[in-house]
Amino acid sequence: MRKKHGLAAIFAIPLLVALVSIAGLVVALTGDGLRDAASWFALAIPVFAVGWAMTFRRT
């Protein structure tokens, strides 16, 4: 029998990725220099998350 997960457990990681993406977009629009590097880092996280999910997904 499968364990039931609540909404918080299901949507915690997607919500975190969404918030990091939004923060990365805002930082990219508001500054140069170090902020550009921070935005690149923040916007790379969803790309790596998709790559990780495609590598380790269940069949």
N, C-alpha and C. Protein backbone atom coordinates (compact mmCIF):
# COMPACT_ATOMS: atom_id res chain seq x y z
N MET A 1 0.84 -1.17 0.00
CA MET A 1 0.00 0.00 0.00
C MET A 1 0.89 1.25 0.00
N ARG A 2 0.53 2.21 -0.83
CA ARG A 2 1.33 3.42 -0.95
C ARG A 2 0.97 4.41 0.16
N LYS A 3 1.98 5.11 0.61
CA LYS A 3 1.78 6.13 1.64
C LYS A 3 1.21 7.39 1.00
N LYS A 4 0.19 7.97 1.61
CA LYS A 4 -0.39 9.20 1.10
C LYS A 4 0.43 10.39 1.58
N HIS A 5 0.65 11.35 0.67
CA HIS A 5 1.39 12.55 1.02
C HIS A 5 0.42 13.72 1.02
N GLY A 6 0.64 14.65 1.92
CA GLY A 6 -0.18 15.86 1.95
C GLY A 6 0.26 16.83 0.87
N LEU A 7 -0.51 17.87 0.67
CA LEU A 7 -0.20 18.86 -0.35
C LEU A 7 1.14 19.54 -0.10
N ALA A 8 1.47 19.77 1.16
CA ALA A 8 2.74 20.42 1.47
C ALA A 8 3.92 19.55 1.03
N ALA A 9 3.82 18.26 1.22
CA ALA A 9 4.90 17.36 0.82
C ALA A 9 5.00 17.25 -0.70
N ILE A 10 3.88 17.33 -1.38
CA ILE A 10 3.88 17.19 -2.84
C ILE A 10 4.43 18.44 -3.52
N PHE A 11 4.04 19.61 -3.03
CA PHE A 11 4.36 20.85 -3.72
C PHE A 11 5.51 21.64 -3.10
N ALA A 12 6.21 21.11 -2.11
CA ALA A 12 7.28 21.86 -1.45
C ALA A 12 8.44 22.16 -2.41
N ILE A 13 8.95 21.17 -3.08
CA ILE A 13 10.09 21.37 -3.98
C ILE A 13 9.71 22.19 -5.21
N PRO A 14 8.59 21.91 -5.88
CA PRO A 14 8.21 22.77 -7.01
C PRO A 14 8.00 24.23 -6.61
N LEU A 15 7.46 24.46 -5.43
CA LEU A 15 7.27 25.84 -4.96
C LEU A 15 8.62 26.50 -4.71
N LEU A 16 9.55 25.77 -4.13
CA LEU A 16 10.89 26.31 -3.89
C LEU A 16 11.59 26.65 -5.21
N VAL A 17 11.49 25.78 -6.20
CA VAL A 17 12.10 26.04 -7.51
C VAL A 17 11.45 27.26 -8.16
N ALA A 18 10.15 27.40 -8.04
CA ALA A 18 9.46 28.56 -8.60
C ALA A 18 9.90 29.85 -7.92
N LEU A 19 10.02 29.84 -6.61
CA LEU A 19 10.45 31.04 -5.90
C LEU A 19 11.89 31.43 -6.24
N VAL A 20 12.76 30.44 -6.37
CA VAL A 20 14.14 30.72 -6.76
C VAL A 20 14.19 31.28 -8.17
N SER A 21 13.36 30.76 -9.06
CA SER A 21 13.31 31.27 -10.44
C SER A 21 12.83 32.72 -10.48
N ILE A 22 11.78 33.01 -9.73
CA ILE A 22 11.28 34.38 -9.69
C ILE A 22 12.32 35.32 -9.10
N ALA A 23 12.98 34.90 -8.05
CA ALA A 23 14.03 35.73 -7.46
C ALA A 23 15.16 35.95 -8.45
N GLY A 24 15.54 34.93 -9.20
CA GLY A 24 16.59 35.06 -10.21
C GLY A 24 16.21 36.04 -11.31
N LEU A 25 14.95 36.01 -11.73
CA LEU A 25 14.50 36.94 -12.76
C LEU A 25 14.50 38.38 -12.24
N VAL A 26 14.05 38.58 -11.02
CA VAL A 26 14.04 39.92 -10.44
C VAL A 26 15.46 40.45 -10.27
N VAL A 27 16.36 39.61 -9.78
CA VAL A 27 17.75 40.03 -9.60
C VAL A 27 18.38 40.36 -10.95
N ALA A 28 18.07 39.59 -11.98
CA ALA A 28 18.63 39.85 -13.31
C ALA A 28 18.15 41.19 -13.87
N LEU A 29 16.95 41.57 -13.54
CA LEU A 29 16.41 42.83 -14.07
C LEU A 29 16.83 44.05 -13.27
N THR A 30 17.32 43.87 -12.07
CA THR A 30 17.58 45.02 -11.20
C THR A 30 19.05 45.39 -11.03
N GLY A 31 19.97 44.68 -11.63
CA GLY A 31 21.36 45.06 -11.41
C GLY A 31 22.33 44.40 -12.35
N ASP A 32 23.58 44.81 -12.22
CA ASP A 32 24.68 44.27 -13.01
C ASP A 32 25.77 43.73 -12.09
N GLY A 33 26.80 43.17 -12.71
CA GLY A 33 27.94 42.69 -11.95
C GLY A 33 27.64 41.42 -11.19
N LEU A 34 27.76 41.49 -9.87
CA LEU A 34 27.55 40.31 -9.02
C LEU A 34 26.11 39.82 -9.11
N ARG A 35 25.18 40.72 -9.33
CA ARG A 35 23.78 40.32 -9.46
C ARG A 35 23.56 39.47 -10.71
N ASP A 36 24.31 39.75 -11.77
CA ASP A 36 24.21 38.91 -12.96
C ASP A 36 24.62 37.47 -12.66
N ALA A 37 25.71 37.33 -11.91
CA ALA A 37 26.17 35.99 -11.55
C ALA A 37 25.15 35.28 -10.67
N ALA A 38 24.56 36.01 -9.73
CA ALA A 38 23.55 35.42 -8.85
C ALA A 38 22.31 35.00 -9.65
N SER A 39 21.94 35.81 -10.63
CA SER A 39 20.76 35.46 -11.44
C SER A 39 21.04 34.24 -12.31
N TRP A 40 22.24 34.14 -12.87
CA TRP A 40 22.60 32.96 -13.66
C TRP A 40 22.53 31.71 -12.78
N PHE A 41 23.03 31.81 -11.57
CA PHE A 41 22.99 30.67 -10.66
C PHE A 41 21.55 30.29 -10.33
N ALA A 42 20.73 31.29 -10.01
CA ALA A 42 19.34 31.02 -9.63
C ALA A 42 18.55 30.45 -10.81
N LEU A 43 18.81 30.94 -12.01
CA LEU A 43 18.06 30.47 -13.17
C LEU A 43 18.58 29.14 -13.71
N ALA A 44 19.75 28.71 -13.26
CA ALA A 44 20.27 27.41 -13.66
C ALA A 44 19.69 26.29 -12.81
N ILE A 45 19.19 26.61 -11.64
CA ILE A 45 18.66 25.58 -10.74
C ILE A 45 17.50 24.80 -11.37
N PRO A 46 16.51 25.45 -12.01
CA PRO A 46 15.44 24.66 -12.64
C PRO A 46 15.96 23.76 -13.78
N VAL A 47 16.96 24.23 -14.50
CA VAL A 47 17.53 23.42 -15.58
C VAL A 47 18.17 22.15 -15.00
N PHE A 48 18.93 22.31 -13.92
CA PHE A 48 19.55 21.15 -13.28
C PHE A 48 18.49 20.24 -12.65
N ALA A 49 17.41 20.82 -12.13
CA ALA A 49 16.34 20.01 -11.54
C ALA A 49 15.67 19.14 -12.60
N VAL A 50 15.45 19.69 -13.78
CA VAL A 50 14.85 18.91 -14.87
C VAL A 50 15.81 17.81 -15.32
N GLY A 51 17.09 18.14 -15.43
CA GLY A 51 18.09 17.13 -15.80
C GLY A 51 18.16 16.01 -14.78
N TRP A 52 18.12 16.38 -13.50
CA TRP A 52 18.14 15.36 -12.45
C TRP A 52 16.90 14.49 -12.53
N ALA A 53 15.73 15.12 -12.73
CA ALA A 53 14.48 14.36 -12.78
C ALA A 53 14.46 13.42 -13.98
N MET A 54 14.99 13.85 -15.10
CA MET A 54 15.01 12.98 -16.29
C MET A 54 15.98 11.82 -16.10
N THR A 55 17.04 12.04 -15.36
CA THR A 55 18.02 10.99 -15.12
C THR A 55 17.51 9.94 -14.14
N PHE A 56 16.86 10.39 -13.09
CA PHE A 56 16.47 9.48 -12.02
C PHE A 56 14.98 9.22 -11.95
N ARG A 57 14.26 9.46 -13.01
CA ARG A 57 12.81 9.24 -12.96
C ARG A 57 12.50 7.75 -12.90
N ARG A 58 11.36 7.45 -12.36
CA ARG A 58 10.92 6.07 -12.25
C ARG A 58 10.25 5.66 -13.55
N THR A 59 10.39 4.41 -13.89
CA THR A 59 9.75 3.92 -15.12
C THR A 59 8.55 3.08 -14.79
